[in-house]
Amino acid sequence: MLTFGPEGQTFHEDHIAVSRWTTLACRQADHDPRLLYAVMTPEWIGAIGELVDLDQMMMVPGVEPPTTT
């Protein structure tokens, strides 16, 4: 199962809700599903930042995009 990370990737309220619902569903499943969270690497942020204004991509003004470290 692939979903947004807990921060919703762009801090969008709907993305955060989907992450919570998916995480809870996986925890409550009768089987043991593999739960994966989508992430953005610093390299990806740099590349997309050349094409799109990151302030337009993030849903909360002034926050830095969450990345892997």
C-alpha atoms as a PDB file:
ATOM      1  CA  MET A   1       0.000   0.000   0.000  1.00  0.00           C
ATOM      2  CA  LEU A   2       1.422   3.387  -0.987  1.00  0.00           C
ATOM      3  CA  THR A   3       0.210   6.618   0.563  1.00  0.00           C
ATOM      4  CA  PHE A   4       1.362  10.074   1.556  1.00  0.00           C
ATOM      5  CA  GLY A   5       3.618  10.431   4.579  1.00  0.00           C
ATOM      6  CA  PRO A   6       2.103  11.759   7.818  1.00  0.00           C
ATOM      7  CA  GLU A   7       2.706  15.356   6.679  1.00  0.00           C
ATOM      8  CA  GLY A   8       0.700  14.729   3.503  1.00  0.00           C
ATOM      9  CA  GLN A   9       3.765  15.432   1.340  1.00  0.00           C
ATOM     10  CA  THR A  10       2.630  19.020   0.698  1.00  0.00           C
ATOM     11  CA  PHE A  11       0.854  19.571   4.040  1.00  0.00           C
ATOM     12  CA  HIS A  12      -2.508  19.478   2.262  1.00  0.00           C
ATOM     13  CA  GLU A  13      -5.275  18.610   4.751  1.00  0.00           C
ATOM     14  CA  ASP A  14      -6.813  15.999   2.447  1.00  0.00           C
ATOM     15  CA  HIS A  15      -3.428  14.311   1.884  1.00  0.00           C
ATOM     16  CA  ILE A  16      -2.853  14.168   5.647  1.00  0.00           C
ATOM     17  CA  ALA A  17      -6.294  12.596   6.120  1.00  0.00           C
ATOM     18  CA  VAL A  18      -5.626  10.003   3.401  1.00  0.00           C
ATOM     19  CA  SER A  19      -2.331   9.119   5.069  1.00  0.00           C
ATOM     20  CA  ARG A  20      -4.047   8.622   8.424  1.00  0.00           C
ATOM     21  CA  TRP A  21      -6.883   6.546   6.951  1.00  0.00           C
ATOM     22  CA  THR A  22      -4.511   4.349   4.968  1.00  0.00           C
ATOM     23  CA  THR A  23      -2.188   3.839   7.930  1.00  0.00           C
ATOM     24  CA  LEU A  24      -5.094   2.910  10.199  1.00  0.00           C
ATOM     25  CA  ALA A  25      -6.560   0.556   7.594  1.00  0.00           C
ATOM     26  CA  CYS A  26      -3.236  -1.248   7.242  1.00  0.00           C
ATOM     27  CA  ARG A  27      -2.878  -1.572  11.018  1.00  0.00           C
ATOM     28  CA  GLN A  28      -6.386  -3.021  11.297  1.00  0.00           C
ATOM     29  CA  ALA A  29      -6.132  -5.397   8.332  1.00  0.00           C
ATOM     30  CA  ASP A  30      -6.446  -9.132   8.930  1.00  0.00           C
ATOM     31  CA  HIS A  31      -3.282  -9.694   6.915  1.00  0.00           C
ATOM     32  CA  ASP A  32       0.026  -7.797   7.181  1.00  0.00           C
ATOM     33  CA  PRO A  33       0.086  -5.371   4.224  1.00  0.00           C
ATOM     34  CA  ARG A  34       3.307  -3.629   3.329  1.00  0.00           C
ATOM     35  CA  LEU A  35       2.763   0.084   3.992  1.00  0.00           C
ATOM     36  CA  LEU A  36       4.939   2.526   2.049  1.00  0.00           C
ATOM     37  CA  TYR A  37       5.029   6.303   2.313  1.00  0.00           C
ATOM     38  CA  ALA A  38       5.849   8.478  -0.687  1.00  0.00           C
ATOM     39  CA  VAL A  39       8.875  10.683  -0.087  1.00  0.00           C
ATOM     40  CA  MET A  40      10.658  13.465  -1.902  1.00  0.00           C
ATOM     41  CA  THR A  41      14.447  13.394  -1.994  1.00  0.00           C
ATOM     42  CA  PRO A  42      16.470  16.611  -1.741  1.00  0.00           C
ATOM     43  CA  GLU A  43      17.558  15.998  -5.344  1.00  0.00           C
ATOM     44  CA  TRP A  44      13.940  15.758  -6.498  1.00  0.00           C
ATOM     45  CA  ILE A  45      13.044  18.957  -4.630  1.00  0.00           C
ATOM     46  CA  GLY A  46      15.965  20.707  -6.335  1.00  0.00           C
ATOM     47  CA  ALA A  47      14.931  19.472  -9.780  1.00  0.00           C
ATOM     48  CA  ILE A  48      11.229  20.300  -9.389  1.00  0.00           C
ATOM     49  CA  GLY A  49      12.163  23.664  -7.867  1.00  0.00           C
ATOM     50  CA  GLU A  50      13.735  24.599 -11.205  1.00  0.00           C
ATOM     51  CA  LEU A  51      10.389  24.011 -12.917  1.00  0.00           C
ATOM     52  CA  VAL A  52       7.792  25.035 -10.325  1.00  0.00           C
ATOM     53  CA  ASP A  53       7.734  27.670  -7.601  1.00  0.00           C
ATOM     54  CA  LEU A  54       7.842  25.554  -4.434  1.00  0.00           C
ATOM     55  CA  ASP A  55       5.676  28.098  -2.620  1.00  0.00           C
ATOM     56  CA  GLN A  56       2.955  27.235  -5.145  1.00  0.00           C
ATOM     57  CA  MET A  57       3.410  23.518  -4.546  1.00  0.00           C
ATOM     58  CA  MET A  58       3.276  23.563  -0.737  1.00  0.00           C
ATOM     59  CA  MET A  59      -0.186  23.977   0.800  1.00  0.00           C
ATOM     60  CA  VAL A  60       1.003  25.841   3.908  1.00  0.00           C
ATOM     61  CA  PRO A  61       2.801  29.135   3.290  1.00  0.00           C
ATOM     62  CA  GLY A  62       6.398  29.275   4.452  1.00  0.00           C
ATOM     63  CA  VAL A  63       6.992  25.571   5.137  1.00  0.00           C
ATOM     64  CA  GLU A  64       9.881  23.675   3.642  1.00  0.00           C
ATOM     65  CA  PRO A  65       9.031  20.567   1.644  1.00  0.00           C
ATOM     66  CA  PRO A  66       9.595  17.437   3.739  1.00  0.00           C
ATOM     67  CA  THR A  67      12.458  15.368   2.353  1.00  0.00           C
ATOM     68  CA  THR A  68      14.437  12.289   3.133  1.00  0.00           C
ATOM     69  CA  THR A  69      17.799  12.977   4.729  1.00  0.00           C
END
